Amino acid sequence: MSEVLDGEESQRFFSLILMLQRSSMLHLGLIPDDEGMIHFNPGEAKAAIDLIDTLDTRTTGNLDPIEENLLRGIISELKMQFVQAPSRQKEIEVEMARQEALKETFTSPGSAASDTLIDDEEE
């Protein structure tokens, strides 16, 4: 992206935008967190999208055309993903439950569900 954005100030501004974009995508279940877990929190996703939208409004007339197009594209894509999120909610919730069960296997192996690979009684 640094090839597109001229100047350190522009790069810092878009670093902020990309942090908010990542937060929104994370809470829409589009990308995993640092531990590989999937989250679904539409309220947090909407808050991040609204912040980016506010930054767009407040910077109107102060961005280069390339910066403006990039910002509007990010906002458009996030809003589209937000609208589509309810149709993915069940799939995401199933994945979250699977991850929670897997996490339980490692944190409490004695009480977690497990599969028997070799039954000693069969031998």
Protein backbone atom coordinates (compact mmCIF):
# COMPACT_ATOMS: atom_id res chain seq x y z
CA MET A 1 0.00 0.00 0.00
CA SER A 2 2.95 2.33 0.59
CA GLU A 3 3.42 2.54 -3.21
CA VAL A 4 -0.07 4.07 -3.49
CA LEU A 5 0.08 6.40 -0.49
CA ASP A 6 2.41 9.36 -0.61
CA GLY A 7 3.79 10.63 2.64
CA GLU A 8 4.17 9.40 6.15
CA GLU A 9 1.00 11.13 7.34
CA SER A 10 -1.09 9.36 4.72
CA GLN A 11 0.45 6.01 5.64
CA ARG A 12 -0.27 6.57 9.35
CA PHE A 13 -3.86 7.56 8.56
CA PHE A 14 -4.40 4.37 6.58
CA SER A 15 -2.72 2.32 9.28
CA LEU A 16 -5.52 3.52 11.56
CA ILE A 17 -8.13 2.70 8.92
CA LEU A 18 -6.67 -0.78 8.44
CA MET A 19 -6.70 -1.42 12.21
CA LEU A 20 -10.39 -0.56 12.30
CA GLN A 21 -11.01 -2.65 9.17
CA ARG A 22 -9.27 -5.63 10.78
CA SER A 23 -11.33 -5.19 13.93
CA SER A 24 -14.54 -5.17 11.92
CA MET A 25 -13.52 -8.22 9.89
CA LEU A 26 -12.50 -10.05 13.06
CA HIS A 27 -15.88 -9.40 14.69
CA LEU A 28 -17.72 -10.46 11.54
CA GLY A 29 -15.97 -13.83 11.68
CA LEU A 30 -14.14 -13.17 8.42
CA ILE A 31 -10.64 -13.58 9.88
CA PRO A 32 -9.38 -15.40 12.97
CA ASP A 33 -7.80 -13.64 15.93
CA ASP A 34 -4.12 -14.05 16.88
CA GLU A 35 -4.90 -17.41 18.52
CA GLY A 36 -6.77 -18.67 15.47
CA MET A 37 -10.21 -18.29 17.06
CA ILE A 38 -13.26 -17.04 15.16
CA HIS A 39 -15.49 -14.39 16.73
CA PHE A 40 -18.93 -13.06 15.86
CA ASN A 41 -19.90 -9.77 17.44
CA PRO A 42 -21.89 -7.61 15.00
CA GLY A 43 -22.11 -4.72 17.48
CA GLU A 44 -18.31 -4.39 17.64
CA ALA A 45 -18.06 -4.76 13.87
CA LYS A 46 -20.63 -2.01 13.33
CA ALA A 47 -18.81 0.29 15.77
CA ALA A 48 -15.57 -0.09 13.79
CA ILE A 49 -17.37 0.49 10.47
CA ASP A 50 -19.09 3.58 11.90
CA LEU A 51 -15.73 4.96 13.04
CA ILE A 52 -14.26 4.52 9.56
CA ASP A 53 -17.36 6.15 8.09
CA THR A 54 -16.95 9.08 10.49
CA LEU A 55 -13.31 9.47 9.51
CA ASP A 56 -14.40 9.52 5.88
CA THR A 57 -16.93 12.26 6.60
CA ARG A 58 -14.47 14.31 8.65
CA THR A 59 -11.70 14.09 6.05
CA THR A 60 -13.85 15.02 3.05
CA GLY A 61 -11.87 17.41 0.88
CA ASN A 62 -8.59 16.64 2.64
CA LEU A 63 -7.68 13.39 0.90
CA ASP A 64 -6.08 12.79 -2.48
CA PRO A 65 -8.39 11.10 -5.01
CA ILE A 66 -6.51 7.79 -4.60
CA GLU A 67 -6.84 7.97 -0.81
CA GLU A 68 -10.52 8.84 -1.08
CA ASN A 69 -11.20 5.92 -3.44
CA LEU A 70 -9.30 3.54 -1.19
CA LEU A 71 -11.20 4.69 1.91
CA ARG A 72 -14.59 4.50 0.21
CA GLY A 73 -13.76 1.04 -1.15
CA ILE A 74 -12.90 -0.20 2.35
CA ILE A 75 -16.14 1.24 3.73
CA SER A 76 -18.21 -0.23 0.90
CA GLU A 77 -16.69 -3.70 1.31
CA LEU A 78 -17.17 -3.70 5.09
CA LYS A 79 -20.78 -2.58 4.82
CA MET A 80 -21.48 -5.31 2.28
CA GLN A 81 -19.89 -7.92 4.57
CA PHE A 82 -21.90 -6.58 7.51
CA VAL A 83 -25.17 -6.95 5.59
CA GLN A 84 -24.23 -10.52 4.63
CA ALA A 85 -23.14 -11.44 8.19
CA PRO A 86 -26.54 -12.75 9.40
CA SER A 87 -26.57 -15.38 6.65
CA ARG A 88 -23.14 -16.58 7.87
CA GLN A 89 -24.05 -16.41 11.57
CA LYS A 90 -25.07 -20.08 11.96
CA GLU A 91 -21.90 -21.26 10.21
CA ILE A 92 -19.77 -19.00 12.40
CA GLU A 93 -21.53 -20.15 15.58
CA VAL A 94 -20.89 -23.79 14.65
CA GLU A 95 -17.20 -22.97 14.12
CA MET A 96 -17.06 -21.08 17.43
CA ALA A 97 -18.56 -24.10 19.25
CA ARG A 98 -16.05 -26.41 17.56
CA GLN A 99 -13.20 -24.14 18.63
CA GLU A 100 -14.52 -23.97 22.20
CA ALA A 101 -14.68 -27.78 22.37
CA LEU A 102 -11.14 -28.00 21.03
CA LYS A 103 -9.98 -25.42 23.56
CA GLU A 104 -11.65 -27.45 26.33
CA THR A 105 -9.70 -30.51 25.19
CA PHE A 106 -6.44 -28.71 25.90
CA THR A 107 -7.45 -26.84 29.06
CA SER A 108 -9.33 -29.72 30.77
CA PRO A 109 -8.33 -32.95 29.03
CA GLY A 110 -9.94 -35.16 31.67
CA SER A 111 -13.44 -33.78 31.18
CA ALA A 112 -13.30 -32.89 27.50
CA ALA A 113 -14.88 -34.96 24.78
CA SER A 114 -12.49 -37.32 23.07
CA ASP A 115 -12.43 -39.96 20.38
CA THR A 116 -11.10 -43.44 20.98
CA LEU A 117 -8.52 -44.26 18.35
CA ILE A 118 -7.39 -47.64 19.70
CA ASP A 119 -9.54 -49.66 22.04
CA ASP A 120 -7.30 -51.77 24.28
CA GLU A 121 -10.16 -54.24 24.85
CA GLU A 122 -10.36 -55.05 21.13
CA GLU A 123 -6.79 -56.28 20.93
